[in-house]
PDB file of N, CA and C in Angstrom:
ATOM      1  N   MET A   1      21.775 -34.014  -9.484  1.00  0.00           N
ATOM      2  CA  MET A   1      21.284 -32.735  -9.825  1.00  0.00           C
ATOM      3  C   MET A   1      19.562 -33.068 -10.333  1.00  0.00           C
ATOM      4  N   GLU A   2      19.522 -34.181 -11.116  1.00  0.00           N
ATOM      5  CA  GLU A   2      18.215 -34.470 -11.375  1.00  0.00           C
ATOM      6  C   GLU A   2      17.499 -35.114 -10.140  1.00  0.00           C
ATOM      7  N   HIS A   3      17.765 -35.571  -9.062  1.00  0.00           N
ATOM      8  CA  HIS A   3      17.210 -36.017  -8.050  1.00  0.00           C
ATOM      9  C   HIS A   3      16.673 -35.038  -7.115  1.00  0.00           C
ATOM     10  N   GLN A   4      17.874 -33.881  -7.084  1.00  0.00           N
ATOM     11  CA  GLN A   4      17.308 -32.620  -6.099  1.00  0.00           C
ATOM     12  C   GLN A   4      15.886 -31.847  -7.114  1.00  0.00           C
ATOM     13  N   SER A   5      16.033 -32.095  -8.402  1.00  0.00           N
ATOM     14  CA  SER A   5      14.981 -31.272  -9.009  1.00  0.00           C
ATOM     15  C   SER A   5      13.618 -32.101  -9.088  1.00  0.00           C
ATOM     16  N   LEU A   6      13.828 -33.399  -8.992  1.00  0.00           N
ATOM     17  CA  LEU A   6      12.533 -34.006  -8.783  1.00  0.00           C
ATOM     18  C   LEU A   6      12.119 -34.028  -7.391  1.00  0.00           C
ATOM     19  N   ALA A   7      13.127 -33.944  -6.457  1.00  0.00           N
ATOM     20  CA  ALA A   7      12.638 -33.836  -5.137  1.00  0.00           C
ATOM     21  C   ALA A   7      11.722 -32.503  -4.935  1.00  0.00           C
ATOM     22  N   GLU A   8      12.717 -31.373  -5.538  1.00  0.00           N
ATOM     23  CA  GLU A   8      11.786 -30.093  -5.533  1.00  0.00           C
ATOM     24  C   GLU A   8      10.058 -30.021  -6.087  1.00  0.00           C
ATOM     25  N   VAL A   9      10.295 -31.015  -7.314  1.00  0.00           N
ATOM     26  CA  VAL A   9       8.845 -30.994  -7.877  1.00  0.00           C
ATOM     27  C   VAL A   9       7.787 -31.627  -7.061  1.00  0.00           C
ATOM     28  N   MET A  10       8.278 -32.690  -6.432  1.00  0.00           N
ATOM     29  CA  MET A  10       7.583 -33.448  -5.242  1.00  0.00           C
ATOM     30  C   MET A  10       6.722 -32.573  -4.232  1.00  0.00           C
ATOM     31  N   LYS A  11       7.750 -31.938  -3.678  1.00  0.00           N
ATOM     32  CA  LYS A  11       7.667 -30.879  -2.941  1.00  0.00           C
ATOM     33  C   LYS A  11       6.651 -29.891  -2.854  1.00  0.00           C
ATOM     34  N   THR A  12       6.679 -29.483  -4.084  1.00  0.00           N
ATOM     35  CA  THR A  12       5.978 -28.324  -4.457  1.00  0.00           C
ATOM     36  C   THR A  12       4.335 -29.154  -4.711  1.00  0.00           C
ATOM     37  N   ASN A  13       4.418 -30.359  -5.165  1.00  0.00           N
ATOM     38  CA  ASN A  13       3.091 -30.763  -5.601  1.00  0.00           C
ATOM     39  C   ASN A  13       2.617 -31.121  -4.287  1.00  0.00           C
ATOM     40  N   LEU A  14       3.512 -31.869  -3.206  1.00  0.00           N
ATOM     41  CA  LEU A  14       2.667 -32.134  -2.136  1.00  0.00           C
ATOM     42  C   LEU A  14       2.236 -31.022  -1.397  1.00  0.00           C
ATOM     43  N   GLU A  15       2.653 -29.712  -1.503  1.00  0.00           N
ATOM     44  CA  GLU A  15       2.463 -28.545  -0.748  1.00  0.00           C
ATOM     45  C   GLU A  15       0.884 -28.374  -1.331  1.00  0.00           C
ATOM     46  N   LYS A  16       1.002 -28.049  -2.426  1.00  0.00           N
ATOM     47  CA  LYS A  16      -0.273 -28.099  -3.145  1.00  0.00           C
ATOM     48  C   LYS A  16      -1.716 -28.804  -2.846  1.00  0.00           C
ATOM     49  N   ILE A  17      -1.191 -29.888  -2.662  1.00  0.00           N
ATOM     50  CA  ILE A  17      -2.334 -30.862  -2.392  1.00  0.00           C
ATOM     51  C   ILE A  17      -2.627 -30.753  -0.957  1.00  0.00           C
ATOM     52  N   LEU A  18      -1.861 -30.501   0.090  1.00  0.00           N
ATOM     53  CA  LEU A  18      -2.125 -30.149   1.495  1.00  0.00           C
ATOM     54  C   LEU A  18      -2.809 -28.911   1.474  1.00  0.00           C
ATOM     55  N   SER A  19      -2.363 -28.213   0.607  1.00  0.00           N
ATOM     56  CA  SER A  19      -3.164 -26.682   0.870  1.00  0.00           C
ATOM     57  C   SER A  19      -4.679 -26.631   0.726  1.00  0.00           C
ATOM     58  N   THR A  20      -5.161 -27.759  -0.256  1.00  0.00           N
ATOM     59  CA  THR A  20      -6.677 -27.998  -0.364  1.00  0.00           C
ATOM     60  C   THR A  20      -7.406 -28.214   1.038  1.00  0.00           C
ATOM     61  N   GLY A  21      -6.529 -28.924   2.071  1.00  0.00           N
ATOM     62  CA  GLY A  21      -6.967 -29.335   3.190  1.00  0.00           C
ATOM     63  C   GLY A  21      -7.261 -30.906   3.114  1.00  0.00           C
ATOM     64  N   CYS A  22      -6.621 -31.452   2.202  1.00  0.00           N
ATOM     65  CA  CYS A  22      -6.491 -32.957   1.958  1.00  0.00           C
ATOM     66  C   CYS A  22      -5.456 -33.554   2.912  1.00  0.00           C
ATOM     67  N   LEU A  23      -5.783 -34.681   3.652  1.00  0.00           N
ATOM     68  CA  LEU A  23      -4.737 -35.112   4.267  1.00  0.00           C
ATOM     69  C   LEU A  23      -3.898 -36.469   3.606  1.00  0.00           C
ATOM     70  N   ILE A  24      -2.847 -36.289   3.432  1.00  0.00           N
ATOM     71  CA  ILE A  24      -2.103 -37.692   3.063  1.00  0.00           C
ATOM     72  C   ILE A  24      -1.742 -38.543   4.013  1.00  0.00           C
ATOM     73  N   LYS A  25      -2.668 -39.693   4.039  1.00  0.00           N
ATOM     74  CA  LYS A  25      -2.456 -40.784   4.974  1.00  0.00           C
ATOM     75  C   LYS A  25      -1.424 -41.862   4.485  1.00  0.00           C
ATOM     76  N   ASP A  26      -1.294 -42.107   3.562  1.00  0.00           N
ATOM     77  CA  ASP A  26      -0.173 -43.113   3.061  1.00  0.00           C
ATOM     78  C   ASP A  26       0.425 -42.786   1.521  1.00  0.00           C
ATOM     79  N   LEU A  27       1.454 -42.148   1.520  1.00  0.00           N
ATOM     80  CA  LEU A  27       1.653 -41.895   0.064  1.00  0.00           C
ATOM     81  C   LEU A  27       1.940 -43.037  -0.706  1.00  0.00           C
ATOM     82  N   ASP A  28       2.623 -44.323   0.096  1.00  0.00           N
ATOM     83  CA  ASP A  28       3.112 -45.694  -0.610  1.00  0.00           C
ATOM     84  C   ASP A  28       1.712 -46.119  -1.421  1.00  0.00           C
ATOM     85  N   THR A  29       0.730 -46.025  -0.863  1.00  0.00           N
ATOM     86  CA  THR A  29      -0.395 -46.361  -1.179  1.00  0.00           C
ATOM     87  C   THR A  29      -1.363 -45.423  -1.781  1.00  0.00           C
ATOM     88  N   GLY A  30      -0.943 -44.375  -2.006  1.00  0.00           N
ATOM     89  CA  GLY A  30      -2.068 -43.457  -2.462  1.00  0.00           C
ATOM     90  C   GLY A  30      -3.361 -43.010  -1.810  1.00  0.00           C
ATOM     91  N   LEU A  31      -3.286 -43.094  -0.341  1.00  0.00           N
ATOM     92  CA  LEU A  31      -4.495 -42.911   0.316  1.00  0.00           C
ATOM     93  C   LEU A  31      -4.619 -41.540   1.136  1.00  0.00           C
ATOM     94  N   LEU A  32      -5.688 -40.998   0.465  1.00  0.00           N
ATOM     95  CA  LEU A  32      -5.967 -39.468   0.918  1.00  0.00           C
ATOM     96  C   LEU A  32      -7.246 -39.281   1.708  1.00  0.00           C
ATOM     97  N   ASP A  33      -7.315 -38.271   2.856  1.00  0.00           N
ATOM     98  CA  ASP A  33      -8.471 -38.040   3.334  1.00  0.00           C
ATOM     99  C   ASP A  33      -8.742 -36.485   3.208  1.00  0.00           C
ATOM    100  N   PHE A  34     -10.367 -36.305   2.915  1.00  0.00           N
ATOM    101  CA  PHE A  34     -10.598 -35.132   3.032  1.00  0.00           C
ATOM    102  C   PHE A  34     -11.872 -34.651   3.917  1.00  0.00           C
ATOM    103  N   PRO A  35     -11.238 -33.505   4.782  1.00  0.00           N
ATOM    104  CA  PRO A  35     -12.471 -33.473   5.920  1.00  0.00           C
ATOM    105  C   PRO A  35     -13.752 -32.694   5.335  1.00  0.00           C
ATOM    106  N   THR A  36     -14.760 -33.331   5.480  1.00  0.00           N
ATOM    107  CA  THR A  36     -16.303 -32.875   5.169  1.00  0.00           C
ATOM    108  C   THR A  36     -17.067 -33.046   6.425  1.00  0.00           C
ATOM    109  N   ILE A  37     -18.451 -32.741   6.123  1.00  0.00           N
ATOM    110  CA  ILE A  37     -19.633 -33.034   7.118  1.00  0.00           C
ATOM    111  C   ILE A  37     -20.519 -34.213   6.199  1.00  0.00           C
ATOM    112  N   VAL A  38     -21.162 -35.284   7.125  1.00  0.00           N
ATOM    113  CA  VAL A  38     -22.084 -36.201   6.460  1.00  0.00           C
ATOM    114  C   VAL A  38     -22.880 -36.641   7.599  1.00  0.00           C
ATOM    115  N   ASN A  39     -24.188 -36.297   7.274  1.00  0.00           N
ATOM    116  CA  ASN A  39     -25.210 -36.529   8.198  1.00  0.00           C
ATOM    117  C   ASN A  39     -24.770 -35.706   9.463  1.00  0.00           C
ATOM    118  N   ASN A  40     -24.398 -34.484   9.162  1.00  0.00           N
ATOM    119  CA  ASN A  40     -24.181 -33.531  10.209  1.00  0.00           C
ATOM    120  C   ASN A  40     -23.103 -34.100  11.321  1.00  0.00           C
ATOM    121  N   GLU A  41     -22.101 -34.693  10.713  1.00  0.00           N
ATOM    122  CA  GLU A  41     -21.073 -35.314  11.422  1.00  0.00           C
ATOM    123  C   GLU A  41     -19.895 -35.022  10.985  1.00  0.00           C
ATOM    124  N   GLU A  42     -18.585 -34.565  11.530  1.00  0.00           N
ATOM    125  CA  GLU A  42     -17.016 -34.133  10.812  1.00  0.00           C
ATOM    126  C   GLU A  42     -16.842 -35.413  10.725  1.00  0.00           C
ATOM    127  N   VAL A  43     -16.554 -35.656   9.301  1.00  0.00           N
ATOM    128  CA  VAL A  43     -15.662 -37.384   8.827  1.00  0.00           C
ATOM    129  C   VAL A  43     -14.816 -37.006   7.880  1.00  0.00           C
ATOM    130  N   TYR A  44     -14.354 -37.577   7.445  1.00  0.00           N
ATOM    131  CA  TYR A  44     -13.437 -37.543   6.180  1.00  0.00           C
ATOM    132  C   TYR A  44     -13.934 -38.608   4.864  1.00  0.00           C
ATOM    133  N   LEU A  45     -13.789 -38.016   4.003  1.00  0.00           N
ATOM    134  CA  LEU A  45     -13.816 -38.552   2.530  1.00  0.00           C
ATOM    135  C   LEU A  45     -12.705 -39.302   2.546  1.00  0.00           C
ATOM    136  N   CYS A  46     -12.426 -40.754   1.771  1.00  0.00           N
ATOM    137  CA  CYS A  46     -11.654 -41.295   1.486  1.00  0.00           C
ATOM    138  C   CYS A  46     -11.289 -41.519   0.371  1.00  0.00           C
ATOM    139  N   TRP A  47     -10.154 -41.741  -0.092  1.00  0.00           N
ATOM    140  CA  TRP A  47     -10.074 -42.056  -1.501  1.00  0.00           C
ATOM    141  C   TRP A  47      -8.447 -42.956  -1.583  1.00  0.00           C
ATOM    142  N   LYS A  48      -8.860 -43.929  -2.407  1.00  0.00           N
ATOM    143  CA  LYS A  48      -7.285 -44.495  -2.423  1.00  0.00           C
ATOM    144  C   LYS A  48      -7.231 -44.755  -4.294  1.00  0.00           C
ATOM    145  N   LEU A  49      -5.652 -44.716  -4.279  1.00  0.00           N
ATOM    146  CA  LEU A  49      -4.894 -44.559  -5.684  1.00  0.00           C
ATOM    147  C   LEU A  49      -5.547 -45.730  -6.555  1.00  0.00           C
ATOM    148  N   GLY A  50      -6.118 -45.453  -7.713  1.00  0.00           N
ATOM    149  CA  GLY A  50      -6.810 -46.769  -8.453  1.00  0.00           C
ATOM    150  C   GLY A  50      -8.481 -46.211  -8.296  1.00  0.00           C
ATOM    151  N   GLU A  51      -9.149 -45.918  -7.334  1.00  0.00           N
ATOM    152  CA  GLU A  51     -10.472 -45.690  -7.212  1.00  0.00           C
ATOM    153  C   GLU A  51     -10.886 -44.674  -8.271  1.00  0.00           C
ATOM    154  N   ASP A  52     -11.998 -44.790  -8.840  1.00  0.00           N
ATOM    155  CA  ASP A  52     -12.282 -43.916  -9.944  1.00  0.00           C
ATOM    156  C   ASP A  52     -13.055 -42.628  -9.282  1.00  0.00           C
ATOM    157  N   CYS A  53     -13.429 -42.743  -8.069  1.00  0.00           N
ATOM    158  CA  CYS A  53     -14.194 -41.463  -7.179  1.00  0.00           C
ATOM    159  C   CYS A  53     -13.908 -41.613  -5.994  1.00  0.00           C
ATOM    160  N   ILE A  54     -14.363 -40.555  -5.240  1.00  0.00           N
ATOM    161  CA  ILE A  54     -14.621 -40.672  -3.925  1.00  0.00           C
ATOM    162  C   ILE A  54     -16.034 -41.231  -3.854  1.00  0.00           C
ATOM    163  N   ARG A  55     -16.031 -42.571  -2.983  1.00  0.00           N
ATOM    164  CA  ARG A  55     -17.039 -43.190  -2.771  1.00  0.00           C
ATOM    165  C   ARG A  55     -17.368 -43.703  -1.146  1.00  0.00           C
ATOM    166  N   TYR A  56     -16.546 -43.467  -0.145  1.00  0.00           N
ATOM    167  CA  TYR A  56     -16.284 -43.678   0.847  1.00  0.00           C
ATOM    168  C   TYR A  56     -15.832 -42.602   1.815  1.00  0.00           C
ATOM    169  N   TYR A  57     -16.534 -42.848   3.118  1.00  0.00           N
ATOM    170  CA  TYR A  57     -16.107 -41.891   4.227  1.00  0.00           C
ATOM    171  C   TYR A  57     -15.997 -42.834   5.456  1.00  0.00           C
ATOM    172  N   HIS A  58     -15.235 -42.227   6.542  1.00  0.00           N
ATOM    173  CA  HIS A  58     -15.141 -43.066   7.757  1.00  0.00           C
ATOM    174  C   HIS A  58     -14.999 -41.567   8.973  1.00  0.00           C
ATOM    175  N   ARG A  59     -15.379 -42.173  10.166  1.00  0.00           N
ATOM    176  CA  ARG A  59     -15.185 -41.125  11.194  1.00  0.00           C
ATOM    177  C   ARG A  59     -13.957 -40.638  11.019  1.00  0.00           C
ATOM    178  N   GLN A  60     -13.781 -39.943  12.090  1.00  0.00           N
ATOM    179  CA  GLN A  60     -12.265 -39.261  12.315  1.00  0.00           C
ATOM    180  C   GLN A  60     -11.529 -40.141  13.102  1.00  0.00           C
ATOM    181  N   GLU A  61     -12.172 -40.743  13.997  1.00  0.00           N
ATOM    182  CA  GLU A  61     -11.536 -41.906  14.934  1.00  0.00           C
ATOM    183  C   GLU A  61     -11.329 -43.133  14.619  1.00  0.00           C
ATOM    184  N   GLU A  62     -11.786 -43.332  13.340  1.00  0.00           N
ATOM    185  CA  GLU A  62     -11.855 -45.046  12.666  1.00  0.00           C
ATOM    186  C   GLU A  62     -10.926 -45.093  11.656  1.00  0.00           C
ATOM    187  N   GLY A  63     -10.593 -44.369  11.052  1.00  0.00           N
ATOM    188  CA  GLY A  63      -9.404 -44.537   9.563  1.00  0.00           C
ATOM    189  C   GLY A  63     -10.063 -45.480   8.757  1.00  0.00           C
ATOM    190  N   TYR A  64      -9.185 -45.982   7.716  1.00  0.00           N
ATOM    191  CA  TYR A  64      -9.023 -46.754   6.670  1.00  0.00           C
ATOM    192  C   TYR A  64     -10.308 -48.093   6.817  1.00  0.00           C
ATOM    193  N   SER A  65     -10.020 -48.642   8.112  1.00  0.00           N
ATOM    194  CA  SER A  65     -10.748 -49.933   8.286  1.00  0.00           C
ATOM    195  C   SER A  65     -12.267 -49.634   8.609  1.00  0.00           C
ATOM    196  N   GLY A  66     -12.530 -48.493   8.852  1.00  0.00           N
ATOM    197  CA  GLY A  66     -13.993 -48.230   9.129  1.00  0.00           C
ATOM    198  C   GLY A  66     -14.498 -47.405   8.225  1.00  0.00           C
ATOM    199  N   ARG A  67     -14.107 -47.730   6.875  1.00  0.00           N
ATOM    200  CA  ARG A  67     -14.838 -46.987   5.501  1.00  0.00           C
ATOM    201  C   ARG A  67     -16.227 -47.580   5.597  1.00  0.00           C
ATOM    202  N   LYS A  68     -16.740 -46.623   5.167  1.00  0.00           N
ATOM    203  CA  LYS A  68     -18.484 -46.735   4.600  1.00  0.00           C
ATOM    204  C   LYS A  68     -18.678 -46.071   3.271  1.00  0.00           C
ATOM    205  N   VAL A  69     -19.548 -46.639   2.446  1.00  0.00           N
ATOM    206  CA  VAL A  69     -19.877 -46.481   1.324  1.00  0.00           C
ATOM    207  C   VAL A  69     -21.012 -44.909   1.571  1.00  0.00           C
ATOM    208  N   LEU A  70     -20.488 -43.846   0.845  1.00  0.00           N
ATOM    209  CA  LEU A  70     -21.315 -42.708   1.164  1.00  0.00           C
ATOM    210  C   LEU A  70     -22.692 -42.757   0.614  1.00  0.00           C
ATOM    211  N   ASP A  71     -23.182 -43.516  -0.297  1.00  0.00           N
ATOM    212  CA  ASP A  71     -24.495 -43.738  -0.754  1.00  0.00           C
ATOM    213  C   ASP A  71     -24.619 -44.982  -1.014  1.00  0.00           C
ATOM    214  N   PRO A  72     -25.584 -45.971  -0.122  1.00  0.00           N
ATOM    215  CA  PRO A  72     -25.913 -47.295  -0.295  1.00  0.00           C
ATOM    216  C   PRO A  72     -26.262 -47.760  -1.606  1.00  0.00           C
ATOM    217  N   ARG A  73     -26.850 -46.748  -2.524  1.00  0.00           N
ATOM    218  CA  ARG A  73     -27.072 -47.075  -3.907  1.00  0.00           C
ATOM    219  C   ARG A  73     -25.880 -47.518  -4.414  1.00  0.00           C
ATOM    220  N   ASP A  74     -24.757 -47.082  -3.881  1.00  0.00           N
ATOM    221  CA  ASP A  74     -23.743 -46.967  -5.075  1.00  0.00           C
ATOM    222  C   ASP A  74     -23.166 -48.538  -4.776  1.00  0.00           C
ATOM    223  N   LEU A  75     -22.971 -49.136  -6.327  1.00  0.00           N
ATOM    224  CA  LEU A  75     -22.540 -50.624  -6.415  1.00  0.00           C
ATOM    225  C   LEU A  75     -21.481 -50.460  -7.075  1.00  0.00           C
ATOM    226  N   GLY A  76     -20.683 -49.462  -7.097  1.00  0.00           N
ATOM    227  CA  GLY A  76     -19.293 -49.664  -7.771  1.00  0.00           C
ATOM    228  C   GLY A  76     -18.924 -48.374  -8.577  1.00  0.00           C
ATOM    229  N   PRO A  77     -18.040 -48.612  -9.750  1.00  0.00           N
ATOM    230  CA  PRO A  77     -17.723 -47.755 -10.571  1.00  0.00           C
ATOM    231  C   PRO A  77     -18.873 -47.561 -11.678  1.00  0.00           C
ATOM    232  N   ALA A  78     -19.630 -48.213 -12.230  1.00  0.00           N
ATOM    233  CA  ALA A  78     -20.519 -47.819 -13.075  1.00  0.00           C
ATOM    234  C   ALA A  78     -21.711 -47.111 -12.701  1.00  0.00           C
ATOM    235  N   THR A  79     -21.714 -47.016 -11.384  1.00  0.00           N
ATOM    236  CA  THR A  79     -23.080 -46.387 -10.841  1.00  0.00           C
ATOM    237  C   THR A  79     -22.775 -44.482 -10.802  1.00  0.00           C
ATOM    238  N   LYS A  80     -23.655 -43.931 -11.377  1.00  0.00           N
ATOM    239  CA  LYS A  80     -23.744 -42.537 -11.373  1.00  0.00           C
ATOM    240  C   LYS A  80     -24.618 -41.930 -10.873  1.00  0.00           C
ATOM    241  N   PHE A  81     -24.637 -41.002 -10.133  1.00  0.00           N
ATOM    242  CA  PHE A  81     -25.457 -40.027  -9.297  1.00  0.00           C
ATOM    243  C   PHE A  81     -25.511 -38.612  -9.879  1.00  0.00           C
ATOM    244  N   ASN A  82     -26.966 -38.131  -9.875  1.00  0.00           N
ATOM    245  CA  ASN A  82     -26.924 -36.549  -9.933  1.00  0.00           C
ATOM    246  C   ASN A  82     -26.691 -35.629  -8.781  1.00  0.00           C
ATOM    247  N   ASN A  83     -26.938 -35.894  -7.435  1.00  0.00           N
ATOM    248  CA  ASN A  83     -26.925 -35.412  -6.536  1.00  0.00           C
ATOM    249  C   ASN A  83     -25.642 -36.169  -5.594  1.00  0.00           C
ATOM    250  N   THR A  84     -25.136 -35.373  -4.865  1.00  0.00           N
ATOM    251  CA  THR A  84     -23.910 -35.977  -3.892  1.00  0.00           C
ATOM    252  C   THR A  84     -24.463 -35.879  -2.539  1.00  0.00           C
ATOM    253  N   PRO A  85     -24.433 -36.954  -1.703  1.00  0.00           N
ATOM    254  CA  PRO A  85     -25.155 -36.841  -0.325  1.00  0.00           C
ATOM    255  C   PRO A  85     -24.224 -35.945   0.737  1.00  0.00           C
ATOM    256  N   PHE A  86     -23.192 -35.271   0.137  1.00  0.00           N
ATOM    257  CA  PHE A  86     -22.248 -34.629   1.198  1.00  0.00           C
ATOM    258  C   PHE A  86     -21.899 -33.020   0.392  1.00  0.00           C
ATOM    259  N   ARG A  87     -21.208 -32.707   1.118  1.00  0.00           N
ATOM    260  CA  ARG A  87     -20.804 -31.072   1.044  1.00  0.00           C
ATOM    261  C   ARG A  87     -19.298 -31.231   1.608  1.00  0.00           C
ATOM    262  N   VAL A  88     -18.253 -30.727   0.528  1.00  0.00           N
ATOM    263  CA  VAL A  88     -17.167 -30.497   1.082  1.00  0.00           C
ATOM    264  C   VAL A  88     -16.576 -29.122   1.582  1.00  0.00           C
ATOM    265  N   ARG A  89     -16.507 -29.491   2.687  1.00  0.00           N
ATOM    266  CA  ARG A  89     -16.020 -28.311   3.677  1.00  0.00           C
ATOM    267  C   ARG A  89     -14.737 -27.589   3.169  1.00  0.00           C
ATOM    268  N   ARG A  90     -14.846 -25.810   3.140  1.00  0.00           N
ATOM    269  CA  ARG A  90     -13.379 -25.366   2.171  1.00  0.00           C
ATOM    270  C   ARG A  90     -12.876 -24.586   3.381  1.00  0.00           C
TER     271      ARG A  90
END
């Protein structure tokens, strides 16, 4: 009974995530992609469990191995920006 209850909670939460437009690429590693536009090109913002924020993107045909830093000034978690170089498509 507890297993079924946990499965329902997980299913509900996954549906909430998917309803935002997020793509779950790998549930085991916590890899998520978010459709957006960077430099007038449709790409995916890419986030992996453990990363403090979304810092990377990749072209739709490239995947995780093609990740690029959103902002070349970004040197890691300590870097703070006032302006984001992308807009999220809703």
